Amino acid sequence: MIDLGLSKLALIGAVALVVIGPEKLPAVARMAGTLFGRAQRYINNVKAEVNREMQMEELQKMQTNIVEAASKLNLTITAEAAEVRKEVDEAGNALSSSLNEAHQSFDNSYEYSPSVPALWEFDAKRREFRRKRMSHTSMLPLWYKRQHGLKTRVQSGAARVARYRPTSGKSVKFFN
């Protein structure tokens, strides 16, 4: 690379002053500065473009590696899923055959007894309990509670007795 020291720059300036002249020297120096700046910008743009191209090549290589890894992973997952599905199907078939055998043996040995409540009775009781529980604890609107016959107000025991106490015809007054 060119080694320009202070003495060499002074020599170049003195030769330029003699050759170009003092009137044209500032204009020539300005033009040389602008040309030098353009050259630097052009070189920087070329360097940046080369760096971008290199990064794009690296990114494309990384992308191909990732795509290959993803496809391998997809193949292994599908293979494992197929094996698991096969095992689950075999277990389901074995379970259904054992349930059928148990159901057949149960049907042969079970006699219906009216004292044992059926499953639908338990289900109906469970639903009724949940409906009542929800009516007391939830924030249902009053119109919904009235429409479905749910309690809208809570009353104490003493208030309920006073409300439903039969009247004897004469009122009791403490102070006459």
C-alpha atoms as a PDB file:
ATOM      1  CA  MET A   1       0.000   0.000   0.000  1.00  0.00           C
ATOM      2  CA  ILE A   2       1.143   3.540  -0.607  1.00  0.00           C
ATOM      3  CA  ASP A   3       2.810   5.080   2.404  1.00  0.00           C
ATOM      4  CA  LEU A   4       2.065   8.803   2.439  1.00  0.00           C
ATOM      5  CA  GLY A   5       3.717  10.775   5.179  1.00  0.00           C
ATOM      6  CA  LEU A   6       3.539  14.478   5.988  1.00  0.00           C
ATOM      7  CA  SER A   7       6.637  15.289   3.956  1.00  0.00           C
ATOM      8  CA  LYS A   8       5.318  13.517   0.848  1.00  0.00           C
ATOM      9  CA  LEU A   9       1.953  15.298   1.114  1.00  0.00           C
ATOM     10  CA  ALA A  10       3.710  18.667   1.405  1.00  0.00           C
ATOM     11  CA  LEU A  11       5.785  17.877  -1.699  1.00  0.00           C
ATOM     12  CA  ILE A  12       2.643  16.889  -3.673  1.00  0.00           C
ATOM     13  CA  GLY A  13       0.903  20.111  -2.545  1.00  0.00           C
ATOM     14  CA  ALA A  14       3.873  22.271  -3.630  1.00  0.00           C
ATOM     15  CA  VAL A  15       4.053  20.602  -7.074  1.00  0.00           C
ATOM     16  CA  ALA A  16       0.263  21.007  -7.512  1.00  0.00           C
ATOM     17  CA  LEU A  17       0.526  24.691  -6.583  1.00  0.00           C
ATOM     18  CA  VAL A  18       3.222  25.295  -9.153  1.00  0.00           C
ATOM     19  CA  VAL A  19       1.613  23.218 -11.929  1.00  0.00           C
ATOM     20  CA  ILE A  20      -2.070  24.167 -11.473  1.00  0.00           C
ATOM     21  CA  GLY A  21      -1.704  27.639 -10.112  1.00  0.00           C
ATOM     22  CA  PRO A  22      -3.118  29.347  -7.061  1.00  0.00           C
ATOM     23  CA  GLU A  23      -6.429  30.349  -8.755  1.00  0.00           C
ATOM     24  CA  LYS A  24      -7.502  26.849  -9.865  1.00  0.00           C
ATOM     25  CA  LEU A  25      -6.042  24.901  -6.920  1.00  0.00           C
ATOM     26  CA  PRO A  26      -9.136  25.162  -4.592  1.00  0.00           C
ATOM     27  CA  ALA A  27     -11.505  23.974  -7.364  1.00  0.00           C
ATOM     28  CA  VAL A  28      -9.207  21.081  -8.260  1.00  0.00           C
ATOM     29  CA  ALA A  29      -8.818  20.130  -4.575  1.00  0.00           C
ATOM     30  CA  ARG A  30     -12.640  20.170  -4.149  1.00  0.00           C
ATOM     31  CA  MET A  31     -13.086  17.975  -7.241  1.00  0.00           C
ATOM     32  CA  ALA A  32     -10.351  15.598  -6.055  1.00  0.00           C
ATOM     33  CA  GLY A  33     -12.089  15.345  -2.648  1.00  0.00           C
ATOM     34  CA  THR A  34     -15.477  14.570  -4.220  1.00  0.00           C
ATOM     35  CA  LEU A  35     -13.917  11.966  -6.535  1.00  0.00           C
ATOM     36  CA  PHE A  36     -12.080  10.432  -3.596  1.00  0.00           C
ATOM     37  CA  GLY A  37     -15.356  10.317  -1.585  1.00  0.00           C
ATOM     38  CA  ARG A  38     -17.213   8.700  -4.519  1.00  0.00           C
ATOM     39  CA  ALA A  39     -14.453   6.107  -4.860  1.00  0.00           C
ATOM     40  CA  GLN A  40     -14.673   5.304  -1.134  1.00  0.00           C
ATOM     41  CA  ARG A  41     -18.483   4.967  -1.279  1.00  0.00           C
ATOM     42  CA  TYR A  42     -18.228   2.720  -4.350  1.00  0.00           C
ATOM     43  CA  ILE A  43     -15.660   0.490  -2.632  1.00  0.00           C
ATOM     44  CA  ASN A  44     -17.814   0.312   0.532  1.00  0.00           C
ATOM     45  CA  ASN A  45     -20.896  -0.604  -1.546  1.00  0.00           C
ATOM     46  CA  VAL A  46     -18.970  -3.374  -3.304  1.00  0.00           C
ATOM     47  CA  LYS A  47     -17.730  -4.722   0.039  1.00  0.00           C
ATOM     48  CA  ALA A  48     -21.273  -4.664   1.487  1.00  0.00           C
ATOM     49  CA  GLU A  49     -22.673  -6.449  -1.577  1.00  0.00           C
ATOM     50  CA  VAL A  50     -20.010  -9.161  -1.343  1.00  0.00           C
ATOM     51  CA  ASN A  51     -20.775  -9.596   2.383  1.00  0.00           C
ATOM     52  CA  ARG A  52     -24.508  -9.845   1.634  1.00  0.00           C
ATOM     53  CA  GLU A  53     -23.886 -12.486  -1.016  1.00  0.00           C
ATOM     54  CA  MET A  54     -21.737 -14.500   1.379  1.00  0.00           C
ATOM     55  CA  GLN A  55     -24.385 -14.268   4.099  1.00  0.00           C
ATOM     56  CA  MET A  56     -27.100 -15.315   1.638  1.00  0.00           C
ATOM     57  CA  GLU A  57     -25.070 -18.388   0.668  1.00  0.00           C
ATOM     58  CA  GLU A  58     -24.583 -19.262   4.339  1.00  0.00           C
ATOM     59  CA  LEU A  59     -28.297 -18.778   5.026  1.00  0.00           C
ATOM     60  CA  GLN A  60     -29.223 -20.974   2.068  1.00  0.00           C
ATOM     61  CA  LYS A  61     -26.898 -23.697   3.356  1.00  0.00           C
ATOM     62  CA  MET A  62     -28.449 -23.410   6.814  1.00  0.00           C
ATOM     63  CA  GLN A  63     -31.928 -23.533   5.288  1.00  0.00           C
ATOM     64  CA  THR A  64     -31.163 -26.726   3.367  1.00  0.00           C
ATOM     65  CA  ASN A  65     -29.716 -28.284   6.537  1.00  0.00           C
ATOM     66  CA  ILE A  66     -32.807 -27.344   8.530  1.00  0.00           C
ATOM     67  CA  VAL A  67     -35.159 -28.649   5.837  1.00  0.00           C
ATOM     68  CA  GLU A  68     -33.275 -31.950   5.743  1.00  0.00           C
ATOM     69  CA  ALA A  69     -33.375 -32.241   9.540  1.00  0.00           C
ATOM     70  CA  ALA A  70     -37.104 -31.422   9.586  1.00  0.00           C
ATOM     71  CA  SER A  71     -37.871 -34.045   6.940  1.00  0.00           C
ATOM     72  CA  LYS A  72     -35.874 -36.676   8.876  1.00  0.00           C
ATOM     73  CA  LEU A  73     -37.713 -35.729  12.060  1.00  0.00           C
ATOM     74  CA  ASN A  74     -41.056 -35.909  10.271  1.00  0.00           C
ATOM     75  CA  LEU A  75     -40.236 -39.410   8.988  1.00  0.00           C
ATOM     76  CA  THR A  76     -39.225 -40.647  12.433  1.00  0.00           C
ATOM     77  CA  ILE A  77     -42.328 -39.140  14.041  1.00  0.00           C
ATOM     78  CA  THR A  78     -44.653 -40.713  11.475  1.00  0.00           C
ATOM     79  CA  ALA A  79     -42.928 -44.086  11.922  1.00  0.00           C
ATOM     80  CA  GLU A  80     -43.227 -43.885  15.716  1.00  0.00           C
ATOM     81  CA  ALA A  81     -46.850 -42.755  15.452  1.00  0.00           C
ATOM     82  CA  ALA A  82     -47.628 -45.708  13.189  1.00  0.00           C
ATOM     83  CA  GLU A  83     -46.065 -48.105  15.705  1.00  0.00           C
ATOM     84  CA  VAL A  84     -47.981 -46.538  18.598  1.00  0.00           C
ATOM     85  CA  ARG A  85     -51.222 -46.605  16.607  1.00  0.00           C
ATOM     86  CA  LYS A  86     -50.648 -50.292  15.841  1.00  0.00           C
ATOM     87  CA  GLU A  87     -50.030 -51.087  19.523  1.00  0.00           C
ATOM     88  CA  VAL A  88     -53.093 -49.102  20.598  1.00  0.00           C
ATOM     89  CA  ASP A  89     -55.262 -50.886  18.029  1.00  0.00           C
ATOM     90  CA  GLU A  90     -54.006 -54.266  19.259  1.00  0.00           C
ATOM     91  CA  ALA A  91     -54.670 -53.287  22.885  1.00  0.00           C
ATOM     92  CA  GLY A  92     -58.133 -51.992  21.939  1.00  0.00           C
ATOM     93  CA  ASN A  93     -58.978 -55.215  20.141  1.00  0.00           C
ATOM     94  CA  ALA A  94     -57.808 -57.271  23.110  1.00  0.00           C
ATOM     95  CA  LEU A  95     -59.785 -55.077  25.507  1.00  0.00           C
ATOM     96  CA  SER A  96     -62.956 -55.228  23.427  1.00  0.00           C
ATOM     97  CA  SER A  97     -62.744 -59.018  23.159  1.00  0.00           C
ATOM     98  CA  SER A  98     -62.240 -59.351  26.925  1.00  0.00           C
ATOM     99  CA  LEU A  99     -65.139 -56.926  27.563  1.00  0.00           C
ATOM    100  CA  ASN A 100     -67.381 -58.949  25.250  1.00  0.00           C
ATOM    101  CA  GLU A 101     -66.481 -62.133  27.099  1.00  0.00           C
ATOM    102  CA  ALA A 102     -67.095 -60.478  30.469  1.00  0.00           C
ATOM    103  CA  HIS A 103     -70.391 -59.026  29.265  1.00  0.00           C
ATOM    104  CA  GLN A 104     -71.574 -62.397  28.057  1.00  0.00           C
ATOM    105  CA  SER A 105     -70.638 -64.096  31.328  1.00  0.00           C
ATOM    106  CA  PHE A 106     -72.294 -61.243  33.294  1.00  0.00           C
ATOM    107  CA  ASP A 107     -75.514 -61.484  31.252  1.00  0.00           C
ATOM    108  CA  ASN A 108     -75.701 -65.193  31.963  1.00  0.00           C
ATOM    109  CA  SER A 109     -75.215 -64.807  35.715  1.00  0.00           C
ATOM    110  CA  TYR A 110     -77.074 -61.516  36.401  1.00  0.00           C
ATOM    111  CA  GLU A 111     -80.722 -61.429  37.376  1.00  0.00           C
ATOM    112  CA  TYR A 112     -82.582 -58.133  37.470  1.00  0.00           C
ATOM    113  CA  SER A 113     -83.637 -57.034  40.933  1.00  0.00           C
ATOM    114  CA  PRO A 114     -86.091 -54.127  41.255  1.00  0.00           C
ATOM    115  CA  SER A 115     -84.502 -53.076  44.556  1.00  0.00           C
ATOM    116  CA  VAL A 116     -81.253 -52.106  42.766  1.00  0.00           C
ATOM    117  CA  PRO A 117     -81.725 -48.701  41.135  1.00  0.00           C
ATOM    118  CA  ALA A 118     -80.870 -48.419  37.465  1.00  0.00           C
ATOM    119  CA  LEU A 119     -78.059 -46.228  36.177  1.00  0.00           C
ATOM    120  CA  TRP A 120     -80.449 -43.687  34.671  1.00  0.00           C
ATOM    121  CA  GLU A 121     -81.936 -43.046  38.130  1.00  0.00           C
ATOM    122  CA  PHE A 122     -78.509 -42.183  39.500  1.00  0.00           C
ATOM    123  CA  ASP A 123     -77.911 -39.943  36.501  1.00  0.00           C
ATOM    124  CA  ALA A 124     -81.242 -38.136  37.009  1.00  0.00           C
ATOM    125  CA  LYS A 125     -80.488 -37.606  40.715  1.00  0.00           C
ATOM    126  CA  ARG A 126     -77.039 -36.297  39.873  1.00  0.00           C
ATOM    127  CA  ARG A 127     -78.443 -33.817  37.338  1.00  0.00           C
ATOM    128  CA  GLU A 128     -81.159 -32.608  39.742  1.00  0.00           C
ATOM    129  CA  PHE A 129     -78.579 -32.112  42.493  1.00  0.00           C
ATOM    130  CA  ARG A 130     -76.369 -30.077  40.148  1.00  0.00           C
ATOM    131  CA  ARG A 131     -79.346 -27.973  39.020  1.00  0.00           C
ATOM    132  CA  LYS A 132     -80.283 -27.151  42.603  1.00  0.00           C
ATOM    133  CA  ARG A 133     -76.666 -26.499  43.556  1.00  0.00           C
ATOM    134  CA  MET A 134     -76.195 -24.144  40.609  1.00  0.00           C
ATOM    135  CA  SER A 135     -79.380 -22.259  41.456  1.00  0.00           C
ATOM    136  CA  HIS A 136     -78.054 -21.412  44.923  1.00  0.00           C
ATOM    137  CA  THR A 137     -74.437 -20.670  44.130  1.00  0.00           C
ATOM    138  CA  SER A 138     -74.435 -19.216  40.651  1.00  0.00           C
ATOM    139  CA  MET A 139     -75.145 -15.728  39.475  1.00  0.00           C
ATOM    140  CA  LEU A 140     -78.134 -16.689  37.367  1.00  0.00           C
ATOM    141  CA  PRO A 141     -80.515 -13.893  36.436  1.00  0.00           C
ATOM    142  CA  LEU A 142     -83.813 -13.712  38.315  1.00  0.00           C
ATOM    143  CA  TRP A 143     -85.897 -14.195  35.165  1.00  0.00           C
ATOM    144  CA  TYR A 144     -84.135 -17.517  34.588  1.00  0.00           C
ATOM    145  CA  LYS A 145     -84.712 -18.630  38.153  1.00  0.00           C
ATOM    146  CA  ARG A 146     -88.407 -17.682  37.978  1.00  0.00           C
ATOM    147  CA  GLN A 147     -88.846 -19.418  34.628  1.00  0.00           C
ATOM    148  CA  HIS A 148     -87.315 -22.669  35.881  1.00  0.00           C
ATOM    149  CA  GLY A 149     -88.878 -22.587  39.363  1.00  0.00           C
ATOM    150  CA  LEU A 150     -85.691 -21.921  41.302  1.00  0.00           C
ATOM    151  CA  LYS A 151     -85.585 -20.050  44.603  1.00  0.00           C
ATOM    152  CA  THR A 152     -84.939 -16.354  44.161  1.00  0.00           C
ATOM    153  CA  ARG A 153     -84.669 -15.287  47.809  1.00  0.00           C
ATOM    154  CA  VAL A 154     -83.171 -16.866  50.899  1.00  0.00           C
ATOM    155  CA  GLN A 155     -85.369 -16.819  53.976  1.00  0.00           C
ATOM    156  CA  SER A 156     -84.400 -17.541  57.553  1.00  0.00           C
ATOM    157  CA  GLY A 157     -86.216 -20.168  59.598  1.00  0.00           C
ATOM    158  CA  ALA A 158     -87.960 -17.596  61.843  1.00  0.00           C
ATOM    159  CA  ALA A 159     -89.162 -15.596  58.841  1.00  0.00           C
ATOM    160  CA  ARG A 160     -90.509 -18.752  57.214  1.00  0.00           C
ATOM    161  CA  VAL A 161     -92.433 -19.704  60.394  1.00  0.00           C
ATOM    162  CA  ALA A 162     -93.885 -16.207  60.680  1.00  0.00           C
ATOM    163  CA  ARG A 163     -94.897 -16.209  57.046  1.00  0.00           C
ATOM    164  CA  TYR A 164     -96.636 -19.569  57.041  1.00  0.00           C
ATOM    165  CA  ARG A 165     -98.113 -19.494  60.615  1.00  0.00           C
ATOM    166  CA  PRO A 166    -101.857 -19.923  60.541  1.00  0.00           C
ATOM    167  CA  THR A 167    -103.750 -16.884  61.755  1.00  0.00           C
ATOM    168  CA  SER A 168    -106.382 -17.305  64.483  1.00  0.00           C
ATOM    169  CA  GLY A 169    -108.446 -14.294  63.555  1.00  0.00           C
ATOM    170  CA  LYS A 170    -107.448 -11.923  66.331  1.00  0.00           C
ATOM    171  CA  SER A 171    -104.174 -10.112  66.334  1.00  0.00           C
ATOM    172  CA  VAL A 172    -101.897 -10.099  69.329  1.00  0.00           C
ATOM    173  CA  LYS A 173    -100.836  -6.684  70.529  1.00  0.00           C
ATOM    174  CA  PHE A 174     -98.316  -6.066  73.226  1.00  0.00           C
ATOM    175  CA  PHE A 175     -99.212  -2.450  73.841  1.00  0.00           C
ATOM    176  CA  ASN A 176    -102.925  -1.580  73.968  1.00  0.00           C
END
